[in-house]
Amino acid sequence: MAALRNRFALAEDELARLVEQAEAQARTANDYFHFTSRINDYVSQPQKIALVEAMWDVAYADGVLDVNENHVISKVAELLHVTHGEYIAAKMRAKEAAGLT
């Protein structure tokens, strides 16, 4: 949650409300396409890359990259039409920002 708080400068109550809404949606979701198709409709390519990088920031927040985190980010990046090169560059920037290089 610190990554969200830092990236978006959210107050604690706003952050709690956002996480609660996200968890409620995630409980009823059965695929990623439902979310990524909406993003593809409204978000530019640089914003999609920034989103993937933010996902990497969260994945690296604890200093350990879990195989499931890697899989989810890879799948989401693919559905957002983020190229492999953009995906890797975002990963490397997040890894460096986390001090893991």
PDB file of N, CA and C in Angstrom:
ATOM      1  N   MET A   1       0.818  -1.185   0.000  1.00  0.00           N
ATOM      2  CA  MET A   1       0.000   0.000   0.000  1.00  0.00           C
ATOM      3  C   MET A   1       0.865   1.254   0.000  1.00  0.00           C
ATOM      4  N   ALA A   2       2.082   1.119   0.491  1.00  0.00           N
ATOM      5  CA  ALA A   2       2.973   2.275   0.499  1.00  0.00           C
ATOM      6  C   ALA A   2       3.249   2.755  -0.914  1.00  0.00           C
ATOM      7  N   ALA A   3       3.354   1.818  -1.867  1.00  0.00           N
ATOM      8  CA  ALA A   3       3.613   2.209  -3.256  1.00  0.00           C
ATOM      9  C   ALA A   3       2.468   3.050  -3.791  1.00  0.00           C
ATOM     10  N   LEU A   4       1.237   2.670  -3.496  1.00  0.00           N
ATOM     11  CA  LEU A   4       0.082   3.461  -3.935  1.00  0.00           C
ATOM     12  C   LEU A   4       0.065   4.816  -3.242  1.00  0.00           C
ATOM     13  N   ARG A   5       0.313   4.809  -1.943  1.00  0.00           N
ATOM     14  CA  ARG A   5       0.314   6.052  -1.177  1.00  0.00           C
ATOM     15  C   ARG A   5       1.360   7.020  -1.738  1.00  0.00           C
ATOM     16  N   ASN A   6       2.546   6.511  -2.003  1.00  0.00           N
ATOM     17  CA  ASN A   6       3.630   7.363  -2.493  1.00  0.00           C
ATOM     18  C   ASN A   6       3.390   7.843  -3.913  1.00  0.00           C
ATOM     19  N   ARG A   7       2.956   6.947  -4.787  1.00  0.00           N
ATOM     20  CA  ARG A   7       2.784   7.309  -6.193  1.00  0.00           C
ATOM     21  C   ARG A   7       1.661   8.310  -6.391  1.00  0.00           C
ATOM     22  N   PHE A   8       0.579   8.166  -5.631  1.00  0.00           N
ATOM     23  CA  PHE A   8      -0.601   8.998  -5.857  1.00  0.00           C
ATOM     24  C   PHE A   8      -0.876   9.984  -4.731  1.00  0.00           C
ATOM     25  N   ALA A   9      -0.024  10.048  -3.737  1.00  0.00           N
ATOM     26  CA  ALA A   9      -0.159  10.981  -2.613  1.00  0.00           C
ATOM     27  C   ALA A   9      -1.567  10.913  -2.017  1.00  0.00           C
ATOM     28  N   LEU A  10      -1.986   9.708  -1.665  1.00  0.00           N
ATOM     29  CA  LEU A  10      -3.323   9.503  -1.123  1.00  0.00           C
ATOM     30  C   LEU A  10      -3.326   9.597   0.394  1.00  0.00           C
ATOM     31  N   ALA A  11      -4.417  10.144   0.915  1.00  0.00           N
ATOM     32  CA  ALA A  11      -4.633  10.134   2.363  1.00  0.00           C
ATOM     33  C   ALA A  11      -4.991   8.706   2.765  1.00  0.00           C
ATOM     34  N   GLU A  12      -4.820   8.399   4.030  1.00  0.00           N
ATOM     35  CA  GLU A  12      -5.079   7.033   4.505  1.00  0.00           C
ATOM     36  C   GLU A  12      -6.506   6.572   4.211  1.00  0.00           C
ATOM     37  N   ASP A  13      -7.499   7.451   4.417  1.00  0.00           N
ATOM     38  CA  ASP A  13      -8.887   7.053   4.169  1.00  0.00           C
ATOM     39  C   ASP A  13      -9.144   6.828   2.683  1.00  0.00           C
ATOM     40  N   GLU A  14      -8.527   7.643   1.828  1.00  0.00           N
ATOM     41  CA  GLU A  14      -8.670   7.457   0.380  1.00  0.00           C
ATOM     42  C   GLU A  14      -8.022   6.147  -0.057  1.00  0.00           C
ATOM     43  N   LEU A  15      -6.859   5.866   0.476  1.00  0.00           N
ATOM     44  CA  LEU A  15      -6.149   4.633   0.150  1.00  0.00           C
ATOM     45  C   LEU A  15      -6.950   3.411   0.602  1.00  0.00           C
ATOM     46  N   ALA A  16      -7.486   3.462   1.792  1.00  0.00           N
ATOM     47  CA  ALA A  16      -8.278   2.338   2.303  1.00  0.00           C
ATOM     48  C   ALA A  16      -9.512   2.112   1.440  1.00  0.00           C
ATOM     49  N   ARG A  17     -10.171   3.185   1.036  1.00  0.00           N
ATOM     50  CA  ARG A  17     -11.360   3.076   0.179  1.00  0.00           C
ATOM     51  C   ARG A  17     -10.998   2.508  -1.188  1.00  0.00           C
ATOM     52  N   LEU A  18      -9.892   2.953  -1.758  1.00  0.00           N
ATOM     53  CA  LEU A  18      -9.441   2.458  -3.057  1.00  0.00           C
ATOM     54  C   LEU A  18      -9.109   0.965  -3.001  1.00  0.00           C
ATOM     55  N   VAL A  19      -8.382   0.563  -1.984  1.00  0.00           N
ATOM     56  CA  VAL A  19      -8.013  -0.846  -1.831  1.00  0.00           C
ATOM     57  C   VAL A  19      -9.261  -1.695  -1.609  1.00  0.00           C
ATOM     58  N   GLU A  20     -10.190  -1.210  -0.828  1.00  0.00           N
ATOM     59  CA  GLU A  20     -11.439  -1.944  -0.587  1.00  0.00           C
ATOM     60  C   GLU A  20     -12.213  -2.147  -1.891  1.00  0.00           C
ATOM     61  N   GLN A  21     -12.312  -1.103  -2.704  1.00  0.00           N
ATOM     62  CA  GLN A  21     -13.002  -1.213  -3.990  1.00  0.00           C
ATOM     63  C   GLN A  21     -12.280  -2.191  -4.918  1.00  0.00           C
ATOM     64  N   ALA A  22     -10.967  -2.109  -4.949  1.00  0.00           N
ATOM     65  CA  ALA A  22     -10.181  -3.008  -5.808  1.00  0.00           C
ATOM     66  C   ALA A  22     -10.352  -4.458  -5.377  1.00  0.00           C
ATOM     67  N   GLU A  23     -10.320  -4.703  -4.084  1.00  0.00           N
ATOM     68  CA  GLU A  23     -10.483  -6.069  -3.588  1.00  0.00           C
ATOM     69  C   GLU A  23     -11.878  -6.607  -3.898  1.00  0.00           C
ATOM     70  N   ALA A  24     -12.899  -5.767  -3.790  1.00  0.00           N
ATOM     71  CA  ALA A  24     -14.266  -6.195  -4.103  1.00  0.00           C
ATOM     72  C   ALA A  24     -14.385  -6.564  -5.576  1.00  0.00           C
ATOM     73  N   GLN A  25     -13.815  -5.760  -6.448  1.00  0.00           N
ATOM     74  CA  GLN A  25     -13.850  -6.055  -7.886  1.00  0.00           C
ATOM     75  C   GLN A  25     -13.052  -7.314  -8.201  1.00  0.00           C
ATOM     76  N   ALA A  26     -11.922  -7.472  -7.555  1.00  0.00           N
ATOM     77  CA  ALA A  26     -11.063  -8.635  -7.817  1.00  0.00           C
ATOM     78  C   ALA A  26     -11.746  -9.940  -7.407  1.00  0.00           C
ATOM     79  N   ARG A  27     -12.545  -9.900  -6.348  1.00  0.00           N
ATOM     80  CA  ARG A  27     -13.236 -11.110  -5.890  1.00  0.00           C
ATOM     81  C   ARG A  27     -14.233 -11.620  -6.927  1.00  0.00           C
ATOM     82  N   THR A  28     -14.811 -10.732  -7.720  1.00  0.00           N
ATOM     83  CA  THR A  28     -15.819 -11.145  -8.698  1.00  0.00           C
ATOM     84  C   THR A  28     -15.263 -11.271 -10.114  1.00  0.00           C
ATOM     85  N   ALA A  29     -14.017 -10.891 -10.319  1.00  0.00           N
ATOM     86  CA  ALA A  29     -13.420 -10.943 -11.659  1.00  0.00           C
ATOM     87  C   ALA A  29     -12.995 -12.370 -11.986  1.00  0.00           C
ATOM     88  N   ASN A  30     -13.194 -12.748 -13.243  1.00  0.00           N
ATOM     89  CA  ASN A  30     -12.746 -14.075 -13.651  1.00  0.00           C
ATOM     90  C   ASN A  30     -11.680 -14.021 -14.742  1.00  0.00           C
ATOM     91  N   ASP A  31     -11.274 -12.805 -15.117  1.00  0.00           N
ATOM     92  CA  ASP A  31     -10.191 -12.657 -16.084  1.00  0.00           C
ATOM     93  C   ASP A  31      -9.624 -11.238 -16.017  1.00  0.00           C
ATOM     94  N   TYR A  32      -8.524 -11.031 -16.703  1.00  0.00           N
ATOM     95  CA  TYR A  32      -7.900  -9.709 -16.745  1.00  0.00           C
ATOM     96  C   TYR A  32      -8.463  -8.861 -17.870  1.00  0.00           C
ATOM     97  N   PHE A  33      -9.033  -9.493 -18.878  1.00  0.00           N
ATOM     98  CA  PHE A  33      -9.511  -8.779 -20.057  1.00  0.00           C
ATOM     99  C   PHE A  33     -10.554  -7.732 -19.699  1.00  0.00           C
ATOM    100  N   HIS A  34     -11.409  -8.031 -18.755  1.00  0.00           N
ATOM    101  CA  HIS A  34     -12.444  -7.087 -18.320  1.00  0.00           C
ATOM    102  C   HIS A  34     -11.825  -5.741 -17.944  1.00  0.00           C
ATOM    103  N   PHE A  35     -10.699  -5.777 -17.269  1.00  0.00           N
ATOM    104  CA  PHE A  35     -10.029  -4.562 -16.824  1.00  0.00           C
ATOM    105  C   PHE A  35      -9.168  -3.951 -17.927  1.00  0.00           C
ATOM    106  N   THR A  36      -8.388  -4.790 -18.595  1.00  0.00           N
ATOM    107  CA  THR A  36      -7.450  -4.262 -19.588  1.00  0.00           C
ATOM    108  C   THR A  36      -8.150  -3.712 -20.825  1.00  0.00           C
ATOM    109  N   SER A  37      -9.300  -4.241 -21.189  1.00  0.00           N
ATOM    110  CA  SER A  37     -10.000  -3.722 -22.365  1.00  0.00           C
ATOM    111  C   SER A  37     -10.443  -2.282 -22.132  1.00  0.00           C
ATOM    112  N   ARG A  38     -10.856  -1.981 -20.920  1.00  0.00           N
ATOM    113  CA  ARG A  38     -11.248  -0.598 -20.597  1.00  0.00           C
ATOM    114  C   ARG A  38     -10.027   0.325 -20.615  1.00  0.00           C
ATOM    115  N   ILE A  39      -8.932  -0.166 -20.089  1.00  0.00           N
ATOM    116  CA  ILE A  39      -7.699   0.625 -20.099  1.00  0.00           C
ATOM    117  C   ILE A  39      -7.286   0.897 -21.540  1.00  0.00           C
ATOM    118  N   ASN A  40      -7.334  -0.125 -22.383  1.00  0.00           N
ATOM    119  CA  ASN A  40      -6.969   0.050 -23.793  1.00  0.00           C
ATOM    120  C   ASN A  40      -7.843   1.089 -24.486  1.00  0.00           C
ATOM    121  N   ASP A  41      -9.093   1.212 -24.079  1.00  0.00           N
ATOM    122  CA  ASP A  41     -10.009   2.170 -24.697  1.00  0.00           C
ATOM    123  C   ASP A  41      -9.703   3.618 -24.332  1.00  0.00           C
ATOM    124  N   TYR A  42      -9.114   3.839 -23.157  1.00  0.00           N
ATOM    125  CA  TYR A  42      -9.011   5.205 -22.646  1.00  0.00           C
ATOM    126  C   TYR A  42      -7.594   5.691 -22.329  1.00  0.00           C
ATOM    127  N   VAL A  43      -6.608   4.831 -22.427  1.00  0.00           N
ATOM    128  CA  VAL A  43      -5.276   5.181 -21.941  1.00  0.00           C
ATOM    129  C   VAL A  43      -4.263   5.143 -23.085  1.00  0.00           C
ATOM    130  N   SER A  44      -3.352   6.111 -23.084  1.00  0.00           N
ATOM    131  CA  SER A  44      -2.317   6.175 -24.117  1.00  0.00           C
ATOM    132  C   SER A  44      -1.241   5.123 -23.868  1.00  0.00           C
ATOM    133  N   GLN A  45      -0.423   4.883 -24.873  1.00  0.00           N
ATOM    134  CA  GLN A  45       0.661   3.901 -24.731  1.00  0.00           C
ATOM    135  C   GLN A  45       1.633   4.283 -23.614  1.00  0.00           C
ATOM    136  N   PRO A  46       2.069   5.538 -23.535  1.00  0.00           N
ATOM    137  CA  PRO A  46       2.964   5.889 -22.422  1.00  0.00           C
ATOM    138  C   PRO A  46       2.312   5.659 -21.051  1.00  0.00           C
ATOM    139  N   GLN A  47       1.015   5.874 -20.947  1.00  0.00           N
ATOM    140  CA  GLN A  47       0.323   5.639 -19.679  1.00  0.00           C
ATOM    141  C   GLN A  47       0.240   4.142 -19.372  1.00  0.00           C
ATOM    142  N   LYS A  48       0.084   3.327 -20.405  1.00  0.00           N
ATOM    143  CA  LYS A  48       0.064   1.873 -20.212  1.00  0.00           C
ATOM    144  C   LYS A  48       1.426   1.398 -19.714  1.00  0.00           C
ATOM    145  N   ILE A  49       2.479   1.937 -20.296  1.00  0.00           N
ATOM    146  CA  ILE A  49       3.831   1.577 -19.855  1.00  0.00           C
ATOM    147  C   ILE A  49       4.040   2.008 -18.402  1.00  0.00           C
ATOM    148  N   ALA A  50       3.563   3.198 -18.056  1.00  0.00           N
ATOM    149  CA  ALA A  50       3.668   3.675 -16.674  1.00  0.00           C
ATOM    150  C   ALA A  50       2.895   2.771 -15.722  1.00  0.00           C
ATOM    151  N   LEU A  51       1.752   2.261 -16.154  1.00  0.00           N
ATOM    152  CA  LEU A  51       0.975   1.338 -15.336  1.00  0.00           C
ATOM    153  C   LEU A  51       1.746   0.043 -15.093  1.00  0.00           C
ATOM    154  N   VAL A  52       2.343  -0.488 -16.153  1.00  0.00           N
ATOM    155  CA  VAL A  52       3.147  -1.708 -16.011  1.00  0.00           C
ATOM    156  C   VAL A  52       4.328  -1.445 -15.065  1.00  0.00           C
ATOM    157  N   GLU A  53       4.949  -0.302 -15.205  1.00  0.00           N
ATOM    158  CA  GLU A  53       6.059   0.039 -14.309  1.00  0.00           C
ATOM    159  C   GLU A  53       5.584   0.146 -12.861  1.00  0.00           C
ATOM    160  N   ALA A  54       4.402   0.715 -12.664  1.00  0.00           N
ATOM    161  CA  ALA A  54       3.849   0.806 -11.304  1.00  0.00           C
ATOM    162  C   ALA A  54       3.587  -0.588 -10.734  1.00  0.00           C
ATOM    163  N   MET A  55       3.157  -1.505 -11.585  1.00  0.00           N
ATOM    164  CA  MET A  55       2.957  -2.890 -11.132  1.00  0.00           C
ATOM    165  C   MET A  55       4.288  -3.496 -10.708  1.00  0.00           C
ATOM    166  N   TRP A  56       5.346  -3.210 -11.471  1.00  0.00           N
ATOM    167  CA  TRP A  56       6.670  -3.693 -11.085  1.00  0.00           C
ATOM    168  C   TRP A  56       7.103  -3.068  -9.764  1.00  0.00           C
ATOM    169  N   ASP A  57       6.802  -1.772  -9.569  1.00  0.00           N
ATOM    170  CA  ASP A  57       7.141  -1.111  -8.301  1.00  0.00           C
ATOM    171  C   ASP A  57       6.526  -1.859  -7.125  1.00  0.00           C
ATOM    172  N   VAL A  58       5.269  -2.249  -7.275  1.00  0.00           N
ATOM    173  CA  VAL A  58       4.583  -2.994  -6.213  1.00  0.00           C
ATOM    174  C   VAL A  58       5.228  -4.366  -6.028  1.00  0.00           C
ATOM    175  N   ALA A  59       5.519  -5.032  -7.134  1.00  0.00           N
ATOM    176  CA  ALA A  59       6.118  -6.365  -7.055  1.00  0.00           C
ATOM    177  C   ALA A  59       7.470  -6.338  -6.356  1.00  0.00           C
ATOM    178  N   TYR A  60       8.244  -5.297  -6.575  1.00  0.00           N
ATOM    179  CA  TYR A  60       9.571  -5.197  -5.974  1.00  0.00           C
ATOM    180  C   TYR A  60       9.559  -4.529  -4.597  1.00  0.00           C
ATOM    181  N   ALA A  61       8.404  -4.094  -4.117  1.00  0.00           N
ATOM    182  CA  ALA A  61       8.327  -3.347  -2.859  1.00  0.00           C
ATOM    183  C   ALA A  61       8.881  -4.133  -1.676  1.00  0.00           C
ATOM    184  N   ASP A  62       8.730  -5.450  -1.695  1.00  0.00           N
ATOM    185  CA  ASP A  62       9.245  -6.258  -0.585  1.00  0.00           C
ATOM    186  C   ASP A  62      10.644  -6.806  -0.857  1.00  0.00           C
ATOM    187  N   GLY A  63      11.219  -6.417  -1.997  1.00  0.00           N
ATOM    188  CA  GLY A  63      12.572  -6.849  -2.329  1.00  0.00           C
ATOM    189  C   GLY A  63      12.668  -8.226  -2.951  1.00  0.00           C
ATOM    190  N   VAL A  64      11.525  -8.875  -3.154  1.00  0.00           N
ATOM    191  CA  VAL A  64      11.498 -10.227  -3.708  1.00  0.00           C
ATOM    192  C   VAL A  64      10.454 -10.283  -4.819  1.00  0.00           C
ATOM    193  N   LEU A  65      10.858 -10.808  -5.981  1.00  0.00           N
ATOM    194  CA  LEU A  65       9.921 -10.961  -7.086  1.00  0.00           C
ATOM    195  C   LEU A  65       9.371 -12.382  -7.071  1.00  0.00           C
ATOM    196  N   ASP A  66       8.093 -12.494  -6.788  1.00  0.00           N
ATOM    197  CA  ASP A  66       7.415 -13.788  -6.756  1.00  0.00           C
ATOM    198  C   ASP A  66       7.053 -14.200  -8.181  1.00  0.00           C
ATOM    199  N   VAL A  67       7.069 -15.491  -8.459  1.00  0.00           N
ATOM    200  CA  VAL A  67       6.754 -16.006  -9.793  1.00  0.00           C
ATOM    201  C   VAL A  67       5.333 -15.621 -10.210  1.00  0.00           C
ATOM    202  N   ASN A  68       4.412 -15.574  -9.257  1.00  0.00           N
ATOM    203  CA  ASN A  68       3.034 -15.181  -9.582  1.00  0.00           C
ATOM    204  C   ASN A  68       2.941 -13.705  -9.948  1.00  0.00           C
ATOM    205  N   GLU A  69       3.709 -12.863  -9.261  1.00  0.00           N
ATOM    206  CA  GLU A  69       3.738 -11.444  -9.607  1.00  0.00           C
ATOM    207  C   GLU A  69       4.264 -11.271 -11.027  1.00  0.00           C
ATOM    208  N   ASN A  70       5.328 -11.965 -11.338  1.00  0.00           N
ATOM    209  CA  ASN A  70       5.918 -11.894 -12.671  1.00  0.00           C
ATOM    210  C   ASN A  70       4.900 -12.319 -13.735  1.00  0.00           C
ATOM    211  N   HIS A  71       4.178 -13.401 -13.471  1.00  0.00           N
ATOM    212  CA  HIS A  71       3.187 -13.911 -14.421  1.00  0.00           C
ATOM    213  C   HIS A  71       2.061 -12.902 -14.654  1.00  0.00           C
ATOM    214  N   VAL A  72       1.521 -12.354 -13.579  1.00  0.00           N
ATOM    215  CA  VAL A  72       0.411 -11.405 -13.707  1.00  0.00           C
ATOM    216  C   VAL A  72       0.838 -10.167 -14.483  1.00  0.00           C
ATOM    217  N   ILE A  73       1.999  -9.632 -14.166  1.00  0.00           N
ATOM    218  CA  ILE A  73       2.466  -8.426 -14.852  1.00  0.00           C
ATOM    219  C   ILE A  73       2.710  -8.732 -16.327  1.00  0.00           C
ATOM    220  N   SER A  74       3.276  -9.860 -16.620  1.00  0.00           N
ATOM    221  CA  SER A  74       3.503 -10.256 -18.003  1.00  0.00           C
ATOM    222  C   SER A  74       2.195 -10.358 -18.774  1.00  0.00           C
ATOM    223  N   LYS A  75       1.205 -10.989 -18.172  1.00  0.00           N
ATOM    224  CA  LYS A  75      -0.096 -11.164 -18.826  1.00  0.00           C
ATOM    225  C   LYS A  75      -0.787  -9.823 -19.036  1.00  0.00           C
ATOM    226  N   VAL A  76      -0.777  -8.974 -18.034  1.00  0.00           N
ATOM    227  CA  VAL A  76      -1.406  -7.661 -18.149  1.00  0.00           C
ATOM    228  C   VAL A  76      -0.704  -6.824 -19.216  1.00  0.00           C
ATOM    229  N   ALA A  77       0.616  -6.840 -19.220  1.00  0.00           N
ATOM    230  CA  ALA A  77       1.365  -6.093 -20.233  1.00  0.00           C
ATOM    231  C   ALA A  77       0.996  -6.561 -21.636  1.00  0.00           C
ATOM    232  N   GLU A  78       0.876  -7.859 -21.806  1.00  0.00           N
ATOM    233  CA  GLU A  78       0.491  -8.415 -23.108  1.00  0.00           C
ATOM    234  C   GLU A  78      -0.898  -7.930 -23.513  1.00  0.00           C
ATOM    235  N   LEU A  79      -1.846  -7.975 -22.586  1.00  0.00           N
ATOM    236  CA  LEU A  79      -3.211  -7.540 -22.887  1.00  0.00           C
ATOM    237  C   LEU A  79      -3.302  -6.042 -23.145  1.00  0.00           C
ATOM    238  N   LEU A  80      -2.355  -5.286 -22.598  1.00  0.00           N
ATOM    239  CA  LEU A  80      -2.314  -3.831 -22.826  1.00  0.00           C
ATOM    240  C   LEU A  80      -1.523  -3.466 -24.080  1.00  0.00           C
ATOM    241  N   HIS A  81      -1.025  -4.471 -24.773  1.00  0.00           N
ATOM    242  CA  HIS A  81      -0.237  -4.263 -25.994  1.00  0.00           C
ATOM    243  C   HIS A  81       1.046  -3.489 -25.730  1.00  0.00           C
ATOM    244  N   VAL A  82       1.618  -3.722 -24.548  1.00  0.00           N
ATOM    245  CA  VAL A  82       2.925  -3.170 -24.208  1.00  0.00           C
ATOM    246  C   VAL A  82       3.946  -4.124 -24.825  1.00  0.00           C
ATOM    247  N   THR A  83       4.847  -3.594 -25.626  1.00  0.00           N
ATOM    248  CA  THR A  83       5.823  -4.452 -26.300  1.00  0.00           C
ATOM    249  C   THR A  83       6.770  -5.084 -25.281  1.00  0.00           C
ATOM    250  N   HIS A  84       7.431  -6.146 -25.708  1.00  0.00           N
ATOM    251  CA  HIS A  84       8.377  -6.814 -24.820  1.00  0.00           C
ATOM    252  C   HIS A  84       9.488  -5.855 -24.389  1.00  0.00           C
ATOM    253  N   GLY A  85       9.956  -5.037 -25.299  1.00  0.00           N
ATOM    254  CA  GLY A  85      11.002  -4.072 -24.963  1.00  0.00           C
ATOM    255  C   GLY A  85      10.524  -3.052 -23.940  1.00  0.00           C
ATOM    256  N   GLU A  86       9.298  -2.558 -24.096  1.00  0.00           N
ATOM    257  CA  GLU A  86       8.724  -1.602 -23.139  1.00  0.00           C
ATOM    258  C   GLU A  86       8.542  -2.265 -21.772  1.00  0.00           C
ATOM    259  N   TYR A  87       8.113  -3.516 -21.794  1.00  0.00           N
ATOM    260  CA  TYR A  87       7.896  -4.302 -20.584  1.00  0.00           C
ATOM    261  C   TYR A  87       9.211  -4.485 -19.813  1.00  0.00           C
ATOM    262  N   ILE A  88      10.256  -4.879 -20.517  1.00  0.00           N
ATOM    263  CA  ILE A  88      11.562  -5.095 -19.889  1.00  0.00           C
ATOM    264  C   ILE A  88      12.140  -3.777 -19.367  1.00  0.00           C
ATOM    265  N   ALA A  89      12.016  -2.709 -20.145  1.00  0.00           N
ATOM    266  CA  ALA A  89      12.533  -1.402 -19.703  1.00  0.00           C
ATOM    267  C   ALA A  89      11.817  -0.947 -18.431  1.00  0.00           C
ATOM    268  N   ALA A  90      10.496  -1.133 -18.375  1.00  0.00           N
ATOM    269  CA  ALA A  90       9.730  -0.773 -17.178  1.00  0.00           C
ATOM    270  C   ALA A  90      10.189  -1.607 -15.983  1.00  0.00           C
ATOM    271  N   LYS A  91      10.425  -2.878 -16.215  1.00  0.00           N
ATOM    272  CA  LYS A  91      10.890  -3.778 -15.161  1.00  0.00           C
ATOM    273  C   LYS A  91      12.249  -3.327 -14.627  1.00  0.00           C
ATOM    274  N   MET A  92      13.154  -2.981 -15.523  1.00  0.00           N
ATOM    275  CA  MET A  92      14.499  -2.566 -15.116  1.00  0.00           C
ATOM    276  C   MET A  92      14.457  -1.239 -14.351  1.00  0.00           C
ATOM    277  N   ARG A  93      13.616  -0.307 -14.790  1.00  0.00           N
ATOM    278  CA  ARG A  93      13.495   0.970 -14.062  1.00  0.00           C
ATOM    279  C   ARG A  93      12.967   0.736 -12.649  1.00  0.00           C
ATOM    280  N   ALA A  94      11.958  -0.120 -12.513  1.00  0.00           N
ATOM    281  CA  ALA A  94      11.385  -0.404 -11.197  1.00  0.00           C
ATOM    282  C   ALA A  94      12.397  -1.139 -10.313  1.00  0.00           C
ATOM    283  N   LYS A  95      13.124  -2.043 -10.906  1.00  0.00           N
ATOM    284  CA  LYS A  95      14.134  -2.799 -10.148  1.00  0.00           C
ATOM    285  C   LYS A  95      15.208  -1.853  -9.631  1.00  0.00           C
ATOM    286  N   GLU A  96      15.650  -0.948 -10.489  1.00  0.00           N
ATOM    287  CA  GLU A  96      16.652   0.042 -10.082  1.00  0.00           C
ATOM    288  C   GLU A  96      16.106   0.957  -8.992  1.00  0.00           C
ATOM    289  N   ALA A  97      14.856   1.416  -9.147  1.00  0.00           N
ATOM    290  CA  ALA A  97      14.248   2.293  -8.158  1.00  0.00           C
ATOM    291  C   ALA A  97      14.132   1.602  -6.802  1.00  0.00           C
ATOM    292  N   ALA A  98      13.962   0.289  -6.819  1.00  0.00           N
ATOM    293  CA  ALA A  98      13.871  -0.481  -5.577  1.00  0.00           C
ATOM    294  C   ALA A  98      15.237  -0.796  -4.988  1.00  0.00           C
ATOM    295  N   GLY A  99      16.309  -0.397  -5.718  1.00  0.00           N
ATOM    296  CA  GLY A  99      17.662  -0.648  -5.234  1.00  0.00           C
ATOM    297  C   GLY A  99      18.081  -2.092  -5.355  1.00  0.00           C
ATOM    298  N   LEU A 100      17.546  -2.786  -6.361  1.00  0.00           N
ATOM    299  CA  LEU A 100      17.829  -4.210  -6.525  1.00  0.00           C
ATOM    300  C   LEU A 100      18.745  -4.516  -7.700  1.00  0.00           C
ATOM    301  N   THR A 101      19.414  -3.527  -8.230  1.00  0.00           N
ATOM    302  CA  THR A 101      20.310  -3.789  -9.363  1.00  0.00           C
ATOM    303  C   THR A 101      21.709  -4.100  -8.910  1.00  0.00           C
TER     304      THR A 101
END
